[in-house]
Amino acid sequence: MRLVYGSIVLSVICALFVGLLIAVAFVDAFIAVDMSKFIGLLFIAAMLAFICPCWCFLREIFLAVSSARDQMR
């Protein structure tokens, strides 16, 4: 259950990073300040926040399948 909650929280964090990334990219197009490094860091954070919940969810699936398999024996 903890893995499912962690996966949900990390997915919401990923969505927030992606939304912030898009907003900052649009703001960067209209102002004269170079925000390319900040946008790059946001992109890396968004990708890490995307990979982590996928990994947690996959781990939860493996645990559920193995426990169901153990109950069938």
C-alpha atoms as a PDB file:
ATOM      1  CA  MET A   1       0.000   0.000   0.000  1.00  0.00           C
ATOM      2  CA  ARG A   2       2.884   2.330   0.792  1.00  0.00           C
ATOM      3  CA  LEU A   3       4.286   1.873  -2.725  1.00  0.00           C
ATOM      4  CA  VAL A   4       0.945   2.825  -4.272  1.00  0.00           C
ATOM      5  CA  TYR A   5       0.706   5.999  -2.185  1.00  0.00           C
ATOM      6  CA  GLY A   6       4.313   6.849  -2.976  1.00  0.00           C
ATOM      7  CA  SER A   7       3.666   6.324  -6.666  1.00  0.00           C
ATOM      8  CA  ILE A   8       0.637   8.614  -6.572  1.00  0.00           C
ATOM      9  CA  VAL A   9       2.530  11.350  -4.717  1.00  0.00           C
ATOM     10  CA  LEU A  10       5.461  11.159  -7.119  1.00  0.00           C
ATOM     11  CA  SER A  11       3.105  11.264 -10.103  1.00  0.00           C
ATOM     12  CA  VAL A  12       1.527  14.471  -8.777  1.00  0.00           C
ATOM     13  CA  ILE A  13       4.993  15.947  -8.234  1.00  0.00           C
ATOM     14  CA  CYS A  14       5.854  15.016 -11.819  1.00  0.00           C
ATOM     15  CA  ALA A  15       2.732  16.771 -13.093  1.00  0.00           C
ATOM     16  CA  LEU A  16       3.662  19.867 -11.089  1.00  0.00           C
ATOM     17  CA  PHE A  17       7.191  19.873 -12.518  1.00  0.00           C
ATOM     18  CA  VAL A  18       5.883  19.504 -16.070  1.00  0.00           C
ATOM     19  CA  GLY A  19       3.400  22.346 -15.557  1.00  0.00           C
ATOM     20  CA  LEU A  20       6.111  24.539 -14.065  1.00  0.00           C
ATOM     21  CA  LEU A  21       8.443  23.635 -16.917  1.00  0.00           C
ATOM     22  CA  ILE A  22       5.887  24.698 -19.518  1.00  0.00           C
ATOM     23  CA  ALA A  23       5.098  27.924 -17.669  1.00  0.00           C
ATOM     24  CA  VAL A  24       8.771  28.857 -17.297  1.00  0.00           C
ATOM     25  CA  ALA A  25       9.444  28.052 -20.959  1.00  0.00           C
ATOM     26  CA  PHE A  26       6.658  30.416 -22.026  1.00  0.00           C
ATOM     27  CA  VAL A  27       7.860  33.148 -19.677  1.00  0.00           C
ATOM     28  CA  ASP A  28      11.403  32.683 -21.007  1.00  0.00           C
ATOM     29  CA  ALA A  29      10.148  33.350 -24.528  1.00  0.00           C
ATOM     30  CA  PHE A  30       8.829  36.774 -23.510  1.00  0.00           C
ATOM     31  CA  ILE A  31      11.566  38.116 -21.233  1.00  0.00           C
ATOM     32  CA  ALA A  32      15.210  38.889 -21.911  1.00  0.00           C
ATOM     33  CA  VAL A  33      16.586  36.774 -19.030  1.00  0.00           C
ATOM     34  CA  ASP A  34      18.361  33.536 -19.997  1.00  0.00           C
ATOM     35  CA  MET A  35      16.577  30.747 -18.109  1.00  0.00           C
ATOM     36  CA  SER A  36      17.918  27.832 -20.144  1.00  0.00           C
ATOM     37  CA  LYS A  37      19.806  26.231 -17.226  1.00  0.00           C
ATOM     38  CA  PHE A  38      16.766  26.493 -14.969  1.00  0.00           C
ATOM     39  CA  ILE A  39      14.577  24.985 -17.697  1.00  0.00           C
ATOM     40  CA  GLY A  40      17.097  22.171 -18.141  1.00  0.00           C
ATOM     41  CA  LEU A  41      17.064  21.461 -14.403  1.00  0.00           C
ATOM     42  CA  LEU A  42      13.269  21.460 -14.396  1.00  0.00           C
ATOM     43  CA  PHE A  43      13.283  18.998 -17.277  1.00  0.00           C
ATOM     44  CA  ILE A  44      15.671  16.671 -15.434  1.00  0.00           C
ATOM     45  CA  ALA A  45      13.558  16.929 -12.275  1.00  0.00           C
ATOM     46  CA  ALA A  46      10.399  16.185 -14.248  1.00  0.00           C
ATOM     47  CA  MET A  47      11.979  13.114 -15.852  1.00  0.00           C
ATOM     48  CA  LEU A  48      13.207  11.817 -12.493  1.00  0.00           C
ATOM     49  CA  ALA A  49       9.771  12.477 -11.018  1.00  0.00           C
ATOM     50  CA  PHE A  50       8.316  10.483 -13.927  1.00  0.00           C
ATOM     51  CA  ILE A  51      10.694   7.525 -13.650  1.00  0.00           C
ATOM     52  CA  CYS A  52      10.378   7.105  -9.870  1.00  0.00           C
ATOM     53  CA  PRO A  53       6.594   6.571  -9.702  1.00  0.00           C
ATOM     54  CA  CYS A  54       6.772   4.196 -12.668  1.00  0.00           C
ATOM     55  CA  TRP A  55       9.392   2.174 -10.807  1.00  0.00           C
ATOM     56  CA  CYS A  56       7.307   2.203  -7.578  1.00  0.00           C
ATOM     57  CA  PHE A  57       4.196   1.129  -9.458  1.00  0.00           C
ATOM     58  CA  LEU A  58       6.071  -1.672 -11.220  1.00  0.00           C
ATOM     59  CA  ARG A  59       7.459  -2.865  -7.877  1.00  0.00           C
ATOM     60  CA  GLU A  60       3.928  -2.892  -6.437  1.00  0.00           C
ATOM     61  CA  ILE A  61       2.705  -4.979  -9.377  1.00  0.00           C
ATOM     62  CA  PHE A  62       5.508  -7.495  -8.849  1.00  0.00           C
ATOM     63  CA  LEU A  63       4.650  -7.742  -5.149  1.00  0.00           C
ATOM     64  CA  ALA A  64       0.947  -8.203  -5.877  1.00  0.00           C
ATOM     65  CA  VAL A  65       1.578 -10.899  -8.482  1.00  0.00           C
ATOM     66  CA  SER A  66       4.014 -12.792  -6.271  1.00  0.00           C
ATOM     67  CA  SER A  67       1.671 -12.698  -3.271  1.00  0.00           C
ATOM     68  CA  ALA A  68      -1.252 -13.850  -5.448  1.00  0.00           C
ATOM     69  CA  ARG A  69       0.905 -16.630  -6.815  1.00  0.00           C
ATOM     70  CA  ASP A  70       1.858 -17.700  -3.275  1.00  0.00           C
ATOM     71  CA  GLN A  71      -1.813 -17.811  -2.260  1.00  0.00           C
ATOM     72  CA  MET A  72      -2.663 -20.043  -5.236  1.00  0.00           C
ATOM     73  CA  ARG A  73      -0.218 -22.722  -4.052  1.00  0.00           C
END
